[in-house]
């Protein structure tokens, strides 16, 4: 049981790192295009590293970030896909594709999986150093 929880924790950490790298790349591309784009995804680099070193405080931060993502993501999906005019930061000139909706649903499912992994008592024990 602990081995599968350790493996799940490593996968969750790598997903956070991937999200952070993706955010950095997107920010660099926007800077090269002359735009300033501050992305919240950069925080995921630190969260992923903290999970890889099995820090309890970073696990709690990652759990809080995941809960925030689970709450905010559906609201943003509704705004982006179903509101036909400019809303907040989004400028929507054309309809969203079904592929982007599918990717959004997959991203949301991944956030729920990360929540399940990070809130698991075995994961808490691993990050606390119990029988690590």
N, C-alpha and C. Protein backbone atom coordinates (compact mmCIF):
# COMPACT_ATOMS: atom_id res chain seq x y z
N UNK A 1 0.82 -1.19 0.00
CA UNK A 1 0.00 0.00 0.00
C UNK A 1 0.87 1.26 0.00
N UNK A 2 1.93 1.25 0.82
CA UNK A 2 2.79 2.43 0.88
C UNK A 2 3.54 2.63 -0.42
N UNK A 3 3.94 1.53 -1.07
CA UNK A 3 4.66 1.68 -2.33
C UNK A 3 3.79 2.32 -3.40
N UNK A 4 2.53 1.94 -3.46
CA UNK A 4 1.64 2.56 -4.45
C UNK A 4 1.37 4.02 -4.09
N UNK A 5 1.31 4.33 -2.80
CA UNK A 5 1.11 5.72 -2.40
C UNK A 5 2.36 6.55 -2.70
N UNK A 6 3.54 5.96 -2.51
CA UNK A 6 4.77 6.68 -2.85
C UNK A 6 4.83 6.95 -4.35
N UNK A 7 4.45 5.95 -5.12
CA UNK A 7 4.46 6.11 -6.58
C UNK A 7 3.43 7.17 -7.02
N UNK A 8 2.26 7.14 -6.41
CA UNK A 8 1.23 8.14 -6.73
C UNK A 8 1.70 9.54 -6.36
N UNK A 9 2.40 9.66 -5.23
CA UNK A 9 2.93 10.96 -4.81
C UNK A 9 3.97 11.46 -5.80
N UNK A 10 4.82 10.56 -6.29
CA UNK A 10 5.82 10.95 -7.29
C UNK A 10 5.16 11.39 -8.59
N UNK A 11 4.12 10.68 -9.01
CA UNK A 11 3.41 11.06 -10.23
C UNK A 11 2.75 12.42 -10.05
N UNK A 12 2.12 12.64 -8.90
CA UNK A 12 1.49 13.95 -8.63
C UNK A 12 2.54 15.06 -8.63
N UNK A 13 3.70 14.80 -8.04
CA UNK A 13 4.77 15.79 -8.02
C UNK A 13 5.24 16.11 -9.44
N UNK A 14 5.39 15.08 -10.25
CA UNK A 14 5.81 15.30 -11.64
C UNK A 14 4.75 16.05 -12.44
N UNK A 15 3.48 15.82 -12.16
CA UNK A 15 2.42 16.57 -12.83
C UNK A 15 2.47 18.05 -12.43
N UNK A 16 2.75 18.31 -11.16
CA UNK A 16 2.91 19.70 -10.73
C UNK A 16 4.10 20.34 -11.43
N UNK A 17 5.22 19.59 -11.53
CA UNK A 17 6.39 20.13 -12.22
C UNK A 17 6.09 20.40 -13.69
N UNK A 18 5.38 19.50 -14.33
CA UNK A 18 5.01 19.69 -15.73
C UNK A 18 4.15 20.94 -15.89
N UNK A 19 3.20 21.12 -15.00
CA UNK A 19 2.33 22.30 -15.05
C UNK A 19 3.16 23.57 -14.85
N UNK A 20 4.13 23.52 -13.94
CA UNK A 20 4.99 24.68 -13.71
C UNK A 20 5.87 25.00 -14.90
N UNK A 21 6.44 23.98 -15.52
CA UNK A 21 7.27 24.18 -16.71
C UNK A 21 6.43 24.74 -17.85
N UNK A 22 5.23 24.21 -18.02
CA UNK A 22 4.32 24.71 -19.05
C UNK A 22 4.01 26.19 -18.82
N UNK A 23 3.78 26.57 -17.58
CA UNK A 23 3.52 27.97 -17.25
C UNK A 23 4.72 28.85 -17.54
N UNK A 24 5.92 28.37 -17.23
CA UNK A 24 7.14 29.14 -17.52
C UNK A 24 7.32 29.33 -19.03
N UNK A 25 7.12 28.26 -19.78
CA UNK A 25 7.27 28.35 -21.24
C UNK A 25 6.25 29.33 -21.81
N UNK A 26 5.01 29.25 -21.36
CA UNK A 26 3.98 30.17 -21.85
C UNK A 26 4.31 31.61 -21.49
N UNK A 27 4.86 31.82 -20.31
CA UNK A 27 5.22 33.17 -19.90
C UNK A 27 6.39 33.70 -20.73
N UNK A 28 7.37 32.87 -21.02
CA UNK A 28 8.51 33.28 -21.85
C UNK A 28 8.06 33.59 -23.26
N UNK A 29 7.18 32.76 -23.81
CA UNK A 29 6.66 33.02 -25.16
C UNK A 29 5.92 34.34 -25.21
N UNK A 30 5.11 34.62 -24.20
CA UNK A 30 4.38 35.90 -24.21
C UNK A 30 5.35 37.08 -24.04
N UNK A 31 6.42 36.90 -23.26
CA UNK A 31 7.41 37.97 -23.14
C UNK A 31 8.13 38.21 -24.46
N UNK A 32 8.42 37.14 -25.20
CA UNK A 32 9.06 37.29 -26.50
C UNK A 32 8.14 37.98 -27.50
N UNK A 33 6.83 37.86 -27.31
CA UNK A 33 5.86 38.54 -28.16
C UNK A 33 5.55 39.96 -27.69
N UNK A 34 6.23 40.40 -26.65
CA UNK A 34 6.05 41.76 -26.17
C UNK A 34 4.91 41.94 -25.19
N UNK A 35 4.41 40.87 -24.62
CA UNK A 35 3.32 40.95 -23.65
C UNK A 35 3.82 40.48 -22.29
N UNK A 36 3.25 41.04 -21.25
CA UNK A 36 3.57 40.57 -19.90
C UNK A 36 2.42 39.68 -19.45
N UNK A 37 2.76 38.44 -19.15
CA UNK A 37 1.75 37.45 -18.76
C UNK A 37 2.24 36.76 -17.50
N UNK A 38 1.69 37.15 -16.37
CA UNK A 38 2.06 36.53 -15.09
C UNK A 38 1.14 35.32 -14.90
N UNK A 39 1.74 34.16 -14.70
CA UNK A 39 0.96 32.93 -14.61
C UNK A 39 1.09 32.32 -13.21
N UNK A 40 -0.02 31.83 -12.71
CA UNK A 40 -0.05 31.18 -11.41
C UNK A 40 0.59 29.79 -11.46
N UNK A 41 0.74 29.26 -12.65
CA UNK A 41 1.31 27.92 -12.82
C UNK A 41 2.75 27.82 -12.34
N UNK A 42 3.45 28.93 -12.26
CA UNK A 42 4.85 28.91 -11.86
C UNK A 42 4.98 28.39 -10.43
N UNK A 43 3.98 28.63 -9.61
CA UNK A 43 3.99 28.13 -8.23
C UNK A 43 4.11 26.61 -8.22
N UNK A 44 3.60 25.97 -9.26
CA UNK A 44 3.61 24.51 -9.32
C UNK A 44 5.02 23.94 -9.38
N UNK A 45 6.00 24.71 -9.87
CA UNK A 45 7.39 24.24 -9.84
C UNK A 45 7.82 23.98 -8.41
N UNK A 46 7.53 24.91 -7.52
CA UNK A 46 7.91 24.78 -6.12
C UNK A 46 7.11 23.68 -5.43
N UNK A 47 5.82 23.59 -5.77
CA UNK A 47 4.99 22.55 -5.17
C UNK A 47 5.48 21.16 -5.58
N UNK A 48 5.80 21.00 -6.86
CA UNK A 48 6.31 19.71 -7.33
C UNK A 48 7.61 19.33 -6.66
N UNK A 49 8.52 20.29 -6.53
CA UNK A 49 9.79 20.01 -5.86
C UNK A 49 9.55 19.63 -4.40
N UNK A 50 8.67 20.37 -3.73
CA UNK A 50 8.37 20.06 -2.33
C UNK A 50 7.76 18.68 -2.15
N UNK A 51 6.95 18.26 -3.11
CA UNK A 51 6.39 16.90 -3.04
C UNK A 51 7.45 15.85 -3.31
N UNK A 52 8.39 16.14 -4.20
CA UNK A 52 9.45 15.18 -4.48
C UNK A 52 10.34 14.95 -3.27
N UNK A 53 10.56 15.99 -2.47
CA UNK A 53 11.37 15.80 -1.26
C UNK A 53 10.53 15.35 -0.07
N UNK A 54 9.25 15.12 -0.33
CA UNK A 54 8.30 14.60 0.65
C UNK A 54 8.18 15.48 1.90
N UNK A 55 7.99 16.77 1.65
CA UNK A 55 7.83 17.73 2.73
C UNK A 55 6.34 17.86 3.06
N UNK A 56 6.01 17.77 4.35
CA UNK A 56 4.62 17.87 4.78
C UNK A 56 4.06 19.27 4.53
N UNK A 57 4.87 20.30 4.76
CA UNK A 57 4.36 21.65 4.54
C UNK A 57 4.09 21.90 3.06
N UNK A 58 4.92 21.38 2.17
CA UNK A 58 4.67 21.53 0.73
C UNK A 58 3.50 20.68 0.29
N UNK A 59 3.27 19.55 0.96
CA UNK A 59 2.09 18.74 0.64
C UNK A 59 0.82 19.51 0.97
N UNK A 60 0.83 20.20 2.11
CA UNK A 60 -0.33 21.01 2.49
C UNK A 60 -0.55 22.17 1.52
N UNK A 61 0.53 22.79 1.10
CA UNK A 61 0.41 23.88 0.11
C UNK A 61 -0.13 23.35 -1.21
N UNK A 62 0.37 22.19 -1.63
CA UNK A 62 -0.11 21.59 -2.88
C UNK A 62 -1.58 21.21 -2.77
N UNK A 63 -1.98 20.72 -1.60
CA UNK A 63 -3.39 20.38 -1.38
C UNK A 63 -4.26 21.63 -1.44
N UNK A 64 -3.81 22.73 -0.84
CA UNK A 64 -4.57 23.98 -0.89
C UNK A 64 -4.66 24.49 -2.33
N UNK A 65 -3.57 24.41 -3.08
CA UNK A 65 -3.58 24.84 -4.48
C UNK A 65 -4.54 23.97 -5.29
N UNK A 66 -4.56 22.68 -5.03
CA UNK A 66 -5.45 21.77 -5.75
C UNK A 66 -6.91 22.06 -5.42
N UNK A 67 -7.21 22.33 -4.16
CA UNK A 67 -8.58 22.68 -3.78
C UNK A 67 -8.99 23.98 -4.49
N UNK A 68 -8.10 24.96 -4.51
CA UNK A 68 -8.37 26.21 -5.23
C UNK A 68 -8.64 25.93 -6.70
N UNK A 69 -7.84 25.06 -7.30
CA UNK A 69 -8.01 24.70 -8.71
C UNK A 69 -9.36 24.01 -8.95
N UNK A 70 -9.74 23.13 -8.04
CA UNK A 70 -11.01 22.41 -8.18
C UNK A 70 -12.20 23.37 -8.09
N UNK A 71 -12.08 24.39 -7.26
CA UNK A 71 -13.18 25.34 -7.10
C UNK A 71 -13.24 26.33 -8.26
N UNK A 72 -12.11 26.88 -8.66
CA UNK A 72 -12.07 27.95 -9.66
C UNK A 72 -12.21 27.43 -11.09
N UNK A 73 -11.67 26.26 -11.37
CA UNK A 73 -11.61 25.77 -12.74
C UNK A 73 -12.97 25.66 -13.43
N UNK A 74 -14.01 25.11 -12.78
CA UNK A 74 -15.31 25.06 -13.47
C UNK A 74 -15.87 26.44 -13.80
N UNK A 75 -15.64 27.41 -12.93
CA UNK A 75 -16.13 28.77 -13.20
C UNK A 75 -15.44 29.33 -14.44
N UNK A 76 -14.12 29.15 -14.53
CA UNK A 76 -13.40 29.63 -15.70
C UNK A 76 -13.80 28.90 -16.97
N UNK A 77 -14.05 27.60 -16.85
CA UNK A 77 -14.49 26.83 -18.03
C UNK A 77 -15.83 27.37 -18.54
N UNK A 78 -16.75 27.66 -17.65
CA UNK A 78 -18.05 28.17 -18.05
C UNK A 78 -17.88 29.54 -18.72
N UNK A 79 -17.05 30.40 -18.13
CA UNK A 79 -16.84 31.71 -18.71
C UNK A 79 -16.20 31.64 -20.09
N UNK A 80 -15.20 30.80 -20.23
CA UNK A 80 -14.48 30.71 -21.51
C UNK A 80 -15.32 30.06 -22.59
N UNK A 81 -16.05 29.02 -22.26
CA UNK A 81 -16.73 28.24 -23.29
C UNK A 81 -18.15 28.69 -23.59
N UNK A 82 -18.81 29.32 -22.65
CA UNK A 82 -20.23 29.58 -22.84
C UNK A 82 -20.64 31.05 -22.84
N UNK A 83 -19.75 31.96 -22.47
CA UNK A 83 -20.08 33.38 -22.49
C UNK A 83 -19.52 33.96 -23.78
N UNK A 84 -20.35 34.54 -24.65
CA UNK A 84 -19.91 34.91 -26.00
C UNK A 84 -19.13 36.22 -26.11
N UNK A 85 -18.97 36.97 -25.05
CA UNK A 85 -18.26 38.24 -25.17
C UNK A 85 -17.02 38.25 -24.28
N UNK A 86 -16.32 39.34 -24.26
CA UNK A 86 -15.11 39.46 -23.47
C UNK A 86 -15.47 39.43 -21.99
N UNK A 87 -14.87 38.51 -21.27
CA UNK A 87 -15.12 38.36 -19.85
C UNK A 87 -13.78 38.38 -19.13
N UNK A 88 -13.68 39.22 -18.14
CA UNK A 88 -12.46 39.34 -17.34
C UNK A 88 -11.24 39.50 -18.24
N UNK A 89 -10.36 38.50 -18.24
CA UNK A 89 -9.12 38.58 -19.00
C UNK A 89 -9.22 37.90 -20.36
N UNK A 90 -10.33 37.24 -20.62
CA UNK A 90 -10.45 36.42 -21.81
C UNK A 90 -11.09 37.22 -22.94
N UNK A 91 -10.49 37.18 -24.09
CA UNK A 91 -11.08 37.78 -25.27
C UNK A 91 -11.45 36.65 -26.20
N UNK A 92 -12.73 36.45 -26.34
CA UNK A 92 -13.22 35.31 -27.12
C UNK A 92 -13.82 35.82 -28.41
N UNK A 93 -13.12 35.60 -29.51
CA UNK A 93 -13.60 36.06 -30.80
C UNK A 93 -14.21 34.93 -31.62
N UNK A 94 -13.92 33.72 -31.25
CA UNK A 94 -14.45 32.57 -31.99
C UNK A 94 -14.86 31.51 -30.99
N UNK A 95 -15.73 30.61 -31.38
CA UNK A 95 -16.17 29.57 -30.44
C UNK A 95 -15.03 28.62 -30.08
N UNK A 96 -15.09 28.10 -28.86
CA UNK A 96 -14.08 27.14 -28.41
C UNK A 96 -14.33 25.80 -29.06
N UNK A 97 -13.23 25.09 -29.27
CA UNK A 97 -13.36 23.81 -29.95
C UNK A 97 -13.75 22.72 -28.95
N UNK A 98 -14.38 21.65 -29.44
CA UNK A 98 -14.70 20.53 -28.56
C UNK A 98 -13.45 19.87 -27.96
N UNK A 99 -12.34 19.93 -28.69
CA UNK A 99 -11.10 19.35 -28.18
C UNK A 99 -10.63 20.10 -26.93
N UNK A 100 -10.73 21.42 -26.94
CA UNK A 100 -10.32 22.18 -25.77
C UNK A 100 -11.25 21.91 -24.59
N UNK A 101 -12.52 21.68 -24.86
CA UNK A 101 -13.44 21.30 -23.78
C UNK A 101 -13.07 19.94 -23.20
N UNK A 102 -12.72 19.00 -24.06
CA UNK A 102 -12.29 17.68 -23.61
C UNK A 102 -11.01 17.77 -22.78
N UNK A 103 -10.06 18.58 -23.24
CA UNK A 103 -8.82 18.75 -22.48
C UNK A 103 -9.09 19.39 -21.13
N UNK A 104 -10.02 20.33 -21.08
CA UNK A 104 -10.38 20.95 -19.81
C UNK A 104 -10.99 19.95 -18.83
N UNK A 105 -11.84 19.08 -19.35
CA UNK A 105 -12.45 18.05 -18.50
C UNK A 105 -11.38 17.09 -17.99
N UNK A 106 -10.44 16.73 -18.85
CA UNK A 106 -9.34 15.84 -18.43
C UNK A 106 -8.48 16.51 -17.37
N UNK A 107 -8.21 17.82 -17.53
CA UNK A 107 -7.42 18.57 -16.56
C UNK A 107 -8.13 18.60 -15.21
N UNK A 108 -9.44 18.77 -15.23
CA UNK A 108 -10.22 18.80 -14.00
C UNK A 108 -10.21 17.43 -13.32
N UNK A 109 -10.30 16.36 -14.09
CA UNK A 109 -10.22 15.01 -13.53
C UNK A 109 -8.85 14.78 -12.90
N UNK A 110 -7.80 15.30 -13.53
CA UNK A 110 -6.46 15.16 -12.97
C UNK A 110 -6.36 15.91 -11.63
N UNK A 111 -7.00 17.07 -11.54
CA UNK A 111 -6.98 17.83 -10.28
C UNK A 111 -7.66 17.04 -9.17
N UNK A 112 -8.78 16.38 -9.50
CA UNK A 112 -9.45 15.55 -8.49
C UNK A 112 -8.56 14.39 -8.08
N UNK A 113 -7.84 13.77 -9.00
CA UNK A 113 -6.94 12.67 -8.67
C UNK A 113 -5.82 13.18 -7.76
N UNK A 114 -5.27 14.36 -8.07
CA UNK A 114 -4.23 14.92 -7.22
C UNK A 114 -4.76 15.19 -5.82
N UNK A 115 -5.98 15.67 -5.72
CA UNK A 115 -6.59 15.89 -4.41
C UNK A 115 -6.69 14.57 -3.64
N UNK A 116 -7.11 13.52 -4.33
CA UNK A 116 -7.24 12.21 -3.69
C UNK A 116 -5.89 11.73 -3.18
N UNK A 117 -4.85 11.89 -3.98
CA UNK A 117 -3.51 11.45 -3.58
C UNK A 117 -2.99 12.29 -2.41
N UNK A 118 -3.13 13.60 -2.50
CA UNK A 118 -2.56 14.48 -1.48
C UNK A 118 -3.31 14.43 -0.15
N UNK A 119 -4.59 14.07 -0.17
CA UNK A 119 -5.35 13.99 1.07
C UNK A 119 -5.37 12.59 1.68
N UNK A 120 -4.73 11.65 1.04
CA UNK A 120 -4.68 10.27 1.52
C UNK A 120 -3.85 10.20 2.82
N UNK A 121 -4.35 9.53 3.86
CA UNK A 121 -3.58 9.42 5.11
C UNK A 121 -2.20 8.76 4.93
N UNK A 122 -2.11 7.83 4.00
CA UNK A 122 -0.81 7.19 3.75
C UNK A 122 0.18 8.20 3.19
N UNK A 123 -0.28 9.08 2.34
CA UNK A 123 0.58 10.14 1.80
C UNK A 123 1.02 11.08 2.91
N UNK A 124 0.12 11.37 3.84
CA UNK A 124 0.49 12.21 4.99
C UNK A 124 1.59 11.54 5.81
N UNK A 125 1.48 10.25 6.01
CA UNK A 125 2.50 9.51 6.75
C UNK A 125 3.84 9.53 6.02
N UNK A 126 3.78 9.37 4.71
CA UNK A 126 5.01 9.39 3.90
C UNK A 126 5.69 10.75 4.02
N UNK A 127 4.91 11.82 3.94
CA UNK A 127 5.49 13.17 4.03
C UNK A 127 5.94 13.51 5.44
N UNK A 128 5.37 12.88 6.45
CA UNK A 128 5.80 13.09 7.82
C UNK A 128 7.02 12.26 8.17
N UNK A 129 7.44 11.38 7.27
CA UNK A 129 8.60 10.55 7.51
C UNK A 129 8.32 9.28 8.27
N UNK A 130 7.07 8.91 8.42
CA UNK A 130 6.72 7.67 9.11
C UNK A 130 6.95 6.50 8.17
N UNK A 131 7.89 5.63 8.52
CA UNK A 131 8.19 4.44 7.75
C UNK A 131 8.54 4.79 6.29
N UNK A 132 9.32 5.84 6.13
CA UNK A 132 9.70 6.26 4.77
C UNK A 132 10.84 5.47 4.33
